[in-house]
């Protein structure tokens, strides 16, 4: 796994406490932990990324049956 930082940016939702994720947009959306860049990445298609971020921004009470 490369530590190439070109194209990666820190999420605007990351706090100043060092618990950050980096995101890189391309043919896939890639996500990794800034504290463990060699530790792996998550990859999402555009459709998966939109569903994932929509889920994160949905209030828990909206998901109740």
N, C-alpha and C. Protein backbone atom coordinates (compact mmCIF):
# COMPACT_ATOMS: atom_id res chain seq x y z
N UNK A 1 0.85 -1.17 0.00
CA UNK A 1 0.00 0.00 0.00
C UNK A 1 0.90 1.24 0.00
N UNK A 2 0.72 2.10 -0.94
CA UNK A 2 1.53 3.31 -1.06
C UNK A 2 1.08 4.39 -0.08
N UNK A 3 2.03 5.18 0.38
CA UNK A 3 1.71 6.33 1.22
C UNK A 3 1.67 7.61 0.39
N UNK A 4 1.47 7.48 -0.91
CA UNK A 4 1.37 8.62 -1.82
C UNK A 4 0.20 9.50 -1.38
N UNK A 5 0.47 10.76 -1.06
CA UNK A 5 -0.56 11.64 -0.51
C UNK A 5 -1.25 12.48 -1.58
N UNK A 6 -0.82 12.42 -2.83
CA UNK A 6 -1.46 13.22 -3.88
C UNK A 6 -2.92 12.84 -4.04
N UNK A 7 -3.77 13.84 -4.01
CA UNK A 7 -5.19 13.61 -4.21
C UNK A 7 -5.97 13.29 -2.95
N UNK A 8 -5.26 12.95 -1.88
CA UNK A 8 -5.92 12.65 -0.61
C UNK A 8 -6.19 13.96 0.13
N UNK A 9 -7.31 14.03 0.84
CA UNK A 9 -7.57 15.19 1.69
C UNK A 9 -8.24 14.71 2.97
N UNK A 10 -8.05 15.48 4.03
CA UNK A 10 -8.63 15.14 5.32
C UNK A 10 -10.09 15.58 5.32
N UNK A 11 -10.94 14.72 5.78
CA UNK A 11 -12.36 15.01 5.86
C UNK A 11 -12.61 16.28 6.66
N UNK A 12 -13.53 17.11 6.18
CA UNK A 12 -13.89 18.33 6.91
C UNK A 12 -14.62 18.01 8.20
N UNK A 13 -15.09 16.78 8.36
CA UNK A 13 -15.77 16.35 9.59
C UNK A 13 -14.80 15.83 10.64
N UNK A 14 -13.52 15.71 10.29
CA UNK A 14 -12.53 15.24 11.25
C UNK A 14 -12.23 16.34 12.25
N UNK A 15 -12.09 15.97 13.49
CA UNK A 15 -11.80 16.95 14.53
C UNK A 15 -10.31 17.23 14.63
N UNK A 16 -9.95 18.09 15.55
CA UNK A 16 -8.56 18.46 15.75
C UNK A 16 -7.85 17.52 16.72
N UNK A 17 -8.54 16.46 17.15
CA UNK A 17 -7.96 15.53 18.11
C UNK A 17 -7.10 14.45 17.47
N UNK A 18 -6.91 14.50 16.18
CA UNK A 18 -6.06 13.53 15.50
C UNK A 18 -6.78 12.29 15.02
N UNK A 19 -8.07 12.18 15.28
CA UNK A 19 -8.85 11.05 14.79
C UNK A 19 -9.43 11.44 13.44
N UNK A 20 -8.64 11.26 12.39
CA UNK A 20 -9.02 11.75 11.07
C UNK A 20 -9.06 10.62 10.05
N UNK A 21 -9.87 10.83 9.05
CA UNK A 21 -9.84 9.98 7.88
C UNK A 21 -9.49 10.85 6.68
N UNK A 22 -8.86 10.22 5.70
CA UNK A 22 -8.55 10.89 4.45
C UNK A 22 -9.41 10.27 3.36
N UNK A 23 -9.76 11.07 2.38
CA UNK A 23 -10.60 10.62 1.28
C UNK A 23 -9.90 10.97 -0.02
N UNK A 24 -10.06 10.11 -1.02
CA UNK A 24 -9.51 10.37 -2.35
C UNK A 24 -10.57 9.97 -3.37
N UNK A 25 -10.92 10.92 -4.24
CA UNK A 25 -11.91 10.66 -5.27
C UNK A 25 -11.20 10.32 -6.58
N UNK A 26 -11.70 9.33 -7.26
CA UNK A 26 -11.20 8.91 -8.56
C UNK A 26 -12.25 8.00 -9.17
N UNK A 27 -11.83 6.93 -9.84
CA UNK A 27 -12.81 5.98 -10.36
C UNK A 27 -13.55 5.30 -9.22
N UNK A 28 -12.93 5.28 -8.05
CA UNK A 28 -13.55 4.83 -6.81
C UNK A 28 -13.32 5.91 -5.75
N UNK A 29 -14.08 5.87 -4.70
CA UNK A 29 -13.83 6.74 -3.55
C UNK A 29 -13.08 5.89 -2.54
N UNK A 30 -11.91 6.36 -2.14
CA UNK A 30 -11.07 5.60 -1.21
C UNK A 30 -10.98 6.35 0.11
N UNK A 31 -10.97 5.60 1.21
CA UNK A 31 -10.94 6.18 2.56
C UNK A 31 -9.89 5.44 3.36
N UNK A 32 -9.10 6.19 4.14
CA UNK A 32 -8.10 5.56 5.01
C UNK A 32 -7.92 6.38 6.28
N UNK A 33 -7.33 5.76 7.27
CA UNK A 33 -7.06 6.37 8.57
C UNK A 33 -5.73 7.11 8.50
N UNK A 34 -5.70 8.38 8.91
CA UNK A 34 -4.46 9.15 8.86
C UNK A 34 -3.41 8.61 9.82
N UNK A 35 -3.82 7.92 10.87
CA UNK A 35 -2.86 7.37 11.83
C UNK A 35 -2.26 6.05 11.37
N UNK A 36 -2.86 5.43 10.34
CA UNK A 36 -2.39 4.13 9.89
C UNK A 36 -2.56 4.01 8.38
N UNK A 37 -1.91 4.88 7.64
CA UNK A 37 -2.04 4.88 6.18
C UNK A 37 -1.68 3.54 5.55
N UNK A 38 -0.61 2.87 6.00
CA UNK A 38 -0.28 1.58 5.39
C UNK A 38 -1.25 0.46 5.78
N UNK A 39 -2.15 0.73 6.73
CA UNK A 39 -3.03 -0.31 7.26
C UNK A 39 -4.19 -0.70 6.37
N UNK A 40 -4.36 -0.05 5.26
CA UNK A 40 -5.43 -0.42 4.35
C UNK A 40 -6.39 0.72 4.07
N UNK A 41 -7.26 0.46 3.13
CA UNK A 41 -8.23 1.46 2.68
C UNK A 41 -9.57 0.79 2.48
N UNK A 42 -10.60 1.58 2.54
CA UNK A 42 -11.93 1.16 2.10
C UNK A 42 -12.16 1.78 0.74
N UNK A 43 -12.73 1.02 -0.18
CA UNK A 43 -13.04 1.54 -1.52
C UNK A 43 -14.53 1.43 -1.76
N UNK A 44 -15.09 2.48 -2.33
CA UNK A 44 -16.52 2.54 -2.61
C UNK A 44 -16.73 2.95 -4.06
N UNK A 45 -17.73 2.38 -4.71
CA UNK A 45 -18.16 2.92 -6.00
C UNK A 45 -18.88 4.24 -5.71
N UNK A 46 -19.15 5.01 -6.73
CA UNK A 46 -19.88 6.26 -6.51
C UNK A 46 -21.24 6.03 -5.87
N UNK A 47 -21.94 5.01 -6.32
CA UNK A 47 -23.26 4.68 -5.77
C UNK A 47 -23.14 4.26 -4.31
N UNK A 48 -22.16 3.42 -4.00
CA UNK A 48 -21.96 2.98 -2.62
C UNK A 48 -21.60 4.15 -1.71
N UNK A 49 -20.76 5.06 -2.22
CA UNK A 49 -20.35 6.22 -1.42
C UNK A 49 -21.55 7.11 -1.09
N UNK A 50 -22.39 7.36 -2.08
CA UNK A 50 -23.58 8.19 -1.85
C UNK A 50 -24.50 7.53 -0.82
N UNK A 51 -24.68 6.22 -0.91
CA UNK A 51 -25.53 5.51 0.06
C UNK A 51 -24.90 5.55 1.45
N UNK A 52 -23.59 5.36 1.52
CA UNK A 52 -22.87 5.37 2.80
C UNK A 52 -22.99 6.74 3.47
N UNK A 53 -22.70 7.81 2.74
CA UNK A 53 -22.75 9.14 3.34
C UNK A 53 -24.19 9.55 3.66
N UNK A 54 -25.16 9.11 2.87
CA UNK A 54 -26.57 9.40 3.19
C UNK A 54 -26.95 8.72 4.50
N UNK A 55 -26.48 7.49 4.69
CA UNK A 55 -26.77 6.77 5.94
C UNK A 55 -26.15 7.49 7.13
N UNK A 56 -24.93 7.99 6.97
CA UNK A 56 -24.26 8.69 8.07
C UNK A 56 -24.97 9.97 8.46
N UNK A 57 -25.65 10.59 7.54
CA UNK A 57 -26.30 11.87 7.84
C UNK A 57 -27.79 11.71 8.15
N UNK A 58 -28.28 10.46 8.19
CA UNK A 58 -29.68 10.21 8.53
C UNK A 58 -29.83 10.10 10.04
N UNK A 59 -30.70 10.89 10.65
CA UNK A 59 -30.90 10.79 12.10
C UNK A 59 -31.38 9.38 12.47
N UNK A 60 -30.89 8.83 13.58
CA UNK A 60 -31.27 7.46 13.97
C UNK A 60 -32.79 7.26 14.06
N UNK A 61 -33.52 8.26 14.52
CA UNK A 61 -34.97 8.09 14.65
C UNK A 61 -35.66 7.95 13.29
N UNK A 62 -35.03 8.42 12.23
CA UNK A 62 -35.61 8.30 10.89
C UNK A 62 -35.53 6.87 10.37
N UNK A 63 -34.70 6.04 10.98
CA UNK A 63 -34.53 4.66 10.53
C UNK A 63 -35.44 3.68 11.27
N UNK A 64 -36.19 4.15 12.25
CA UNK A 64 -37.08 3.26 13.00
C UNK A 64 -38.25 2.82 12.12
N UNK A 65 -38.70 1.56 12.31
CA UNK A 65 -39.83 1.06 11.49
C UNK A 65 -41.13 1.75 11.83
